[in-house]
Amino acid sequence: MAAIADGVAEFECDEFLQKVQQALPPYARPVFLRLSPQVDTTGTFKIQKTRLQREGFDPRHSTDRIYFLNSRAGRYEPMDEELHRAIEEGRVSL
């Protein structure tokens, strides 16, 4: 998962995927994207990852926009409860 700060809500998943496909091999591309208005940091400006790890990719536990890379469709799709359940049950492969 890649967490991206997007304060103005103008992030383009399709453009991001094109750039990632050019720069990274398939195994290194982020399967999940988390778009947050800001990144939580500590007093010494280190990124706080524990909340992100705890919430995972479950859309019920976060207000951030979460996307899943559907490799068959070749695009990032918004994560919803049904897609989350399908991934957890193994009906959708990573």
N, C-alpha and C. Protein backbone atom coordinates (compact mmCIF):
# COMPACT_ATOMS: atom_id res chain seq x y z
N MET A 1 0.84 -1.18 0.00
CA MET A 1 0.00 0.00 0.00
C MET A 1 0.88 1.24 0.00
N ALA A 2 0.45 2.21 -0.77
CA ALA A 2 1.11 3.51 -0.78
C ALA A 2 0.13 4.52 -0.19
N ALA A 3 0.60 5.32 0.76
CA ALA A 3 -0.21 6.38 1.35
C ALA A 3 0.26 7.71 0.75
N ILE A 4 -0.68 8.45 0.20
CA ILE A 4 -0.35 9.69 -0.50
C ILE A 4 -1.16 10.83 0.10
N ALA A 5 -0.49 11.93 0.41
CA ALA A 5 -1.17 13.12 0.90
C ALA A 5 -1.75 13.87 -0.29
N ASP A 6 -3.06 14.07 -0.27
CA ASP A 6 -3.76 14.75 -1.36
C ASP A 6 -4.72 15.76 -0.75
N GLY A 7 -4.19 16.89 -0.35
CA GLY A 7 -4.97 17.90 0.34
C GLY A 7 -6.02 18.58 -0.50
N VAL A 8 -5.85 18.60 -1.81
CA VAL A 8 -6.80 19.31 -2.68
C VAL A 8 -7.72 18.35 -3.45
N ALA A 9 -7.60 17.06 -3.19
CA ALA A 9 -8.46 16.02 -3.80
C ALA A 9 -8.42 16.08 -5.33
N GLU A 10 -7.22 16.22 -5.89
CA GLU A 10 -7.08 16.25 -7.34
C GLU A 10 -6.18 15.12 -7.85
N PHE A 11 -5.99 14.08 -7.06
CA PHE A 11 -5.12 12.98 -7.44
C PHE A 11 -5.77 12.18 -8.57
N GLU A 12 -4.98 11.87 -9.60
CA GLU A 12 -5.46 11.10 -10.74
C GLU A 12 -4.86 9.70 -10.70
N CYS A 13 -5.69 8.73 -10.38
CA CYS A 13 -5.21 7.35 -10.28
C CYS A 13 -4.69 6.82 -11.61
N ASP A 14 -5.34 7.17 -12.72
CA ASP A 14 -4.92 6.66 -14.03
C ASP A 14 -3.53 7.18 -14.40
N GLU A 15 -3.28 8.46 -14.16
CA GLU A 15 -1.95 9.02 -14.44
C GLU A 15 -0.89 8.38 -13.55
N PHE A 16 -1.23 8.20 -12.28
CA PHE A 16 -0.31 7.58 -11.34
C PHE A 16 0.03 6.17 -11.81
N LEU A 17 -0.96 5.40 -12.22
CA LEU A 17 -0.73 4.03 -12.66
C LEU A 17 0.16 3.99 -13.90
N GLN A 18 -0.04 4.90 -14.85
CA GLN A 18 0.80 4.93 -16.04
C GLN A 18 2.26 5.18 -15.67
N LYS A 19 2.49 6.13 -14.76
CA LYS A 19 3.86 6.44 -14.33
C LYS A 19 4.47 5.28 -13.56
N VAL A 20 3.68 4.64 -12.73
CA VAL A 20 4.18 3.50 -11.96
C VAL A 20 4.52 2.34 -12.89
N GLN A 21 3.68 2.10 -13.90
CA GLN A 21 3.96 1.02 -14.84
C GLN A 21 5.24 1.25 -15.61
N GLN A 22 5.56 2.50 -15.89
CA GLN A 22 6.80 2.82 -16.61
C GLN A 22 8.02 2.69 -15.70
N ALA A 23 7.85 2.99 -14.42
CA ALA A 23 9.00 3.06 -13.51
C ALA A 23 9.25 1.79 -12.70
N LEU A 24 8.21 1.01 -12.43
CA LEU A 24 8.35 -0.13 -11.53
C LEU A 24 7.95 -1.45 -12.17
N PRO A 25 8.61 -2.54 -11.81
CA PRO A 25 8.17 -3.85 -12.28
C PRO A 25 6.85 -4.22 -11.60
N PRO A 26 6.10 -5.16 -12.18
CA PRO A 26 4.78 -5.49 -11.64
C PRO A 26 4.76 -5.84 -10.16
N TYR A 27 5.76 -6.55 -9.67
CA TYR A 27 5.76 -6.95 -8.26
C TYR A 27 5.97 -5.78 -7.30
N ALA A 28 6.44 -4.64 -7.78
CA ALA A 28 6.73 -3.49 -6.92
C ALA A 28 5.64 -2.42 -6.96
N ARG A 29 4.63 -2.61 -7.77
CA ARG A 29 3.56 -1.61 -7.88
C ARG A 29 2.61 -1.73 -6.70
N PRO A 30 2.19 -0.60 -6.13
CA PRO A 30 1.28 -0.69 -4.97
C PRO A 30 -0.08 -1.25 -5.36
N VAL A 31 -0.51 -2.27 -4.63
CA VAL A 31 -1.80 -2.90 -4.88
C VAL A 31 -2.92 -2.02 -4.32
N PHE A 32 -2.63 -1.33 -3.22
CA PHE A 32 -3.61 -0.44 -2.60
C PHE A 32 -3.04 0.97 -2.54
N LEU A 33 -3.92 1.95 -2.75
CA LEU A 33 -3.58 3.36 -2.58
C LEU A 33 -4.47 3.94 -1.50
N ARG A 34 -3.88 4.71 -0.62
CA ARG A 34 -4.65 5.42 0.41
C ARG A 34 -4.39 6.90 0.19
N LEU A 35 -5.45 7.65 -0.09
CA LEU A 35 -5.33 9.08 -0.31
C LEU A 35 -5.89 9.81 0.90
N SER A 36 -5.01 10.53 1.57
CA SER A 36 -5.37 11.26 2.79
C SER A 36 -5.21 12.76 2.55
N PRO A 37 -6.00 13.57 3.24
CA PRO A 37 -5.82 15.01 3.11
C PRO A 37 -4.47 15.47 3.64
N GLN A 38 -3.93 14.73 4.60
CA GLN A 38 -2.60 15.05 5.15
C GLN A 38 -2.02 13.78 5.75
N VAL A 39 -0.72 13.79 5.95
CA VAL A 39 -0.04 12.65 6.54
C VAL A 39 0.22 12.97 8.01
N ASP A 40 -0.16 12.06 8.89
CA ASP A 40 0.08 12.24 10.32
C ASP A 40 1.56 12.08 10.62
N THR A 41 2.12 13.04 11.36
CA THR A 41 3.53 12.97 11.72
C THR A 41 3.71 13.15 13.22
N THR A 42 4.88 12.72 13.68
CA THR A 42 5.23 12.90 15.09
C THR A 42 5.80 14.29 15.29
N GLY A 43 6.21 14.60 16.52
CA GLY A 43 6.81 15.90 16.82
C GLY A 43 8.13 16.11 16.10
N THR A 44 8.77 15.01 15.68
CA THR A 44 10.04 15.11 14.95
C THR A 44 9.83 14.86 13.45
N PHE A 45 8.59 14.99 12.99
CA PHE A 45 8.21 14.92 11.58
C PHE A 45 8.42 13.54 10.95
N LYS A 46 8.36 12.51 11.76
CA LYS A 46 8.36 11.15 11.22
C LYS A 46 6.92 10.74 10.95
N ILE A 47 6.72 9.97 9.90
CA ILE A 47 5.36 9.54 9.54
C ILE A 47 4.87 8.51 10.55
N GLN A 48 3.65 8.71 11.04
CA GLN A 48 3.03 7.76 11.97
C GLN A 48 2.35 6.67 11.16
N LYS A 49 2.94 5.49 11.16
CA LYS A 49 2.43 4.39 10.35
C LYS A 49 1.53 3.43 11.11
N THR A 50 1.53 3.51 12.43
CA THR A 50 0.76 2.53 13.20
C THR A 50 -0.74 2.61 12.92
N ARG A 51 -1.28 3.80 12.78
CA ARG A 51 -2.71 3.93 12.47
C ARG A 51 -3.01 3.34 11.10
N LEU A 52 -2.14 3.60 10.14
CA LEU A 52 -2.34 3.07 8.79
C LEU A 52 -2.29 1.55 8.80
N GLN A 53 -1.34 0.99 9.55
CA GLN A 53 -1.22 -0.47 9.64
C GLN A 53 -2.45 -1.07 10.31
N ARG A 54 -2.93 -0.44 11.36
CA ARG A 54 -4.09 -0.95 12.10
C ARG A 54 -5.35 -0.93 11.23
N GLU A 55 -5.54 0.14 10.47
CA GLU A 55 -6.74 0.26 9.63
C GLU A 55 -6.66 -0.62 8.39
N GLY A 56 -5.46 -0.86 7.88
CA GLY A 56 -5.31 -1.69 6.69
C GLY A 56 -6.04 -1.10 5.50
N PHE A 57 -6.72 -1.97 4.75
CA PHE A 57 -7.44 -1.50 3.56
C PHE A 57 -8.95 -1.62 3.74
N ASP A 58 -9.39 -1.70 4.98
CA ASP A 58 -10.82 -1.80 5.28
C ASP A 58 -11.45 -0.41 5.24
N PRO A 59 -12.37 -0.15 4.30
CA PRO A 59 -12.95 1.19 4.18
C PRO A 59 -13.84 1.57 5.37
N ARG A 60 -14.26 0.60 6.18
CA ARG A 60 -15.10 0.91 7.34
C ARG A 60 -14.29 1.53 8.48
N HIS A 61 -12.97 1.37 8.45
CA HIS A 61 -12.12 1.85 9.54
C HIS A 61 -11.39 3.13 9.21
N SER A 62 -11.65 3.71 8.06
CA SER A 62 -10.91 4.90 7.66
C SER A 62 -11.81 5.85 6.88
N THR A 63 -11.51 7.14 7.00
CA THR A 63 -12.21 8.13 6.20
C THR A 63 -11.41 8.47 4.94
N ASP A 64 -10.19 7.90 4.82
CA ASP A 64 -9.36 8.13 3.64
C ASP A 64 -9.96 7.41 2.44
N ARG A 65 -9.66 7.92 1.27
CA ARG A 65 -10.07 7.23 0.04
C ARG A 65 -9.07 6.12 -0.22
N ILE A 66 -9.55 4.89 -0.39
CA ILE A 66 -8.69 3.74 -0.62
C ILE A 66 -9.06 3.14 -1.97
N TYR A 67 -8.01 2.79 -2.73
CA TYR A 67 -8.20 2.21 -4.06
C TYR A 67 -7.46 0.88 -4.15
N PHE A 68 -7.98 -0.02 -4.98
CA PHE A 68 -7.41 -1.34 -5.21
C PHE A 68 -6.98 -1.45 -6.66
N LEU A 69 -5.78 -1.94 -6.92
CA LEU A 69 -5.30 -2.12 -8.29
C LEU A 69 -5.88 -3.40 -8.85
N ASN A 70 -6.84 -3.27 -9.73
CA ASN A 70 -7.42 -4.41 -10.42
C ASN A 70 -6.54 -4.67 -11.64
N SER A 71 -5.65 -5.64 -11.52
CA SER A 71 -4.67 -5.88 -12.59
C SER A 71 -5.34 -6.41 -13.85
N ARG A 72 -6.46 -7.10 -13.71
CA ARG A 72 -7.17 -7.59 -14.90
C ARG A 72 -7.79 -6.45 -15.69
N ALA A 73 -8.34 -5.47 -14.99
CA ALA A 73 -8.95 -4.31 -15.65
C ALA A 73 -7.91 -3.25 -15.98
N GLY A 74 -6.76 -3.32 -15.33
CA GLY A 74 -5.70 -2.35 -15.59
C GLY A 74 -5.98 -0.96 -15.05
N ARG A 75 -6.60 -0.91 -13.85
CA ARG A 75 -6.91 0.40 -13.26
C ARG A 75 -7.09 0.25 -11.75
N TYR A 76 -7.03 1.39 -11.07
CA TYR A 76 -7.33 1.44 -9.65
C TYR A 76 -8.83 1.64 -9.48
N GLU A 77 -9.44 0.82 -8.63
CA GLU A 77 -10.86 0.92 -8.37
C GLU A 77 -11.11 1.34 -6.93
N PRO A 78 -12.11 2.17 -6.69
CA PRO A 78 -12.40 2.59 -5.31
C PRO A 78 -12.76 1.37 -4.44
N MET A 79 -12.23 1.36 -3.25
CA MET A 79 -12.51 0.27 -2.32
C MET A 79 -13.82 0.53 -1.61
N ASP A 80 -14.70 -0.45 -1.64
CA ASP A 80 -15.94 -0.38 -0.87
C ASP A 80 -16.05 -1.66 -0.05
N GLU A 81 -17.09 -1.76 0.73
CA GLU A 81 -17.23 -2.92 1.62
C GLU A 81 -17.36 -4.23 0.85
N GLU A 82 -18.05 -4.21 -0.27
CA GLU A 82 -18.22 -5.44 -1.07
C GLU A 82 -16.88 -5.90 -1.65
N LEU A 83 -16.11 -4.99 -2.19
CA LEU A 83 -14.79 -5.34 -2.73
C LEU A 83 -13.87 -5.82 -1.61
N HIS A 84 -13.92 -5.17 -0.47
CA HIS A 84 -13.12 -5.60 0.68
C HIS A 84 -13.48 -7.02 1.08
N ARG A 85 -14.77 -7.33 1.15
CA ARG A 85 -15.23 -8.66 1.52
C ARG A 85 -14.77 -9.68 0.47
N ALA A 86 -14.85 -9.33 -0.81
CA ALA A 86 -14.43 -10.25 -1.88
C ALA A 86 -12.94 -10.56 -1.78
N ILE A 87 -12.13 -9.57 -1.46
CA ILE A 87 -10.69 -9.79 -1.30
C ILE A 87 -10.42 -10.67 -0.09
N GLU A 88 -11.08 -10.37 1.03
CA GLU A 88 -10.91 -11.17 2.26
C GLU A 88 -11.31 -12.62 2.04
N GLU A 89 -12.36 -12.85 1.27
CA GLU A 89 -12.85 -14.21 1.03
C GLU A 89 -12.10 -14.93 -0.09
N GLY A 90 -11.21 -14.21 -0.78
CA GLY A 90 -10.42 -14.82 -1.84
C GLY A 90 -11.12 -14.88 -3.20
N ARG A 91 -12.26 -14.20 -3.33
CA ARG A 91 -12.97 -14.17 -4.61
C ARG A 91 -12.31 -13.24 -5.61
N VAL A 92 -11.53 -12.29 -5.12
CA VAL A 92 -10.75 -11.38 -5.96
C VAL A 92 -9.29 -11.60 -5.59
N SER A 93 -8.49 -11.88 -6.59
CA SER A 93 -7.07 -12.14 -6.30
C SER A 93 -6.27 -10.85 -6.33
N LEU A 94 -5.22 -10.85 -5.54
CA LEU A 94 -4.33 -9.71 -5.49
C LEU A 94 -3.34 -9.85 -6.62
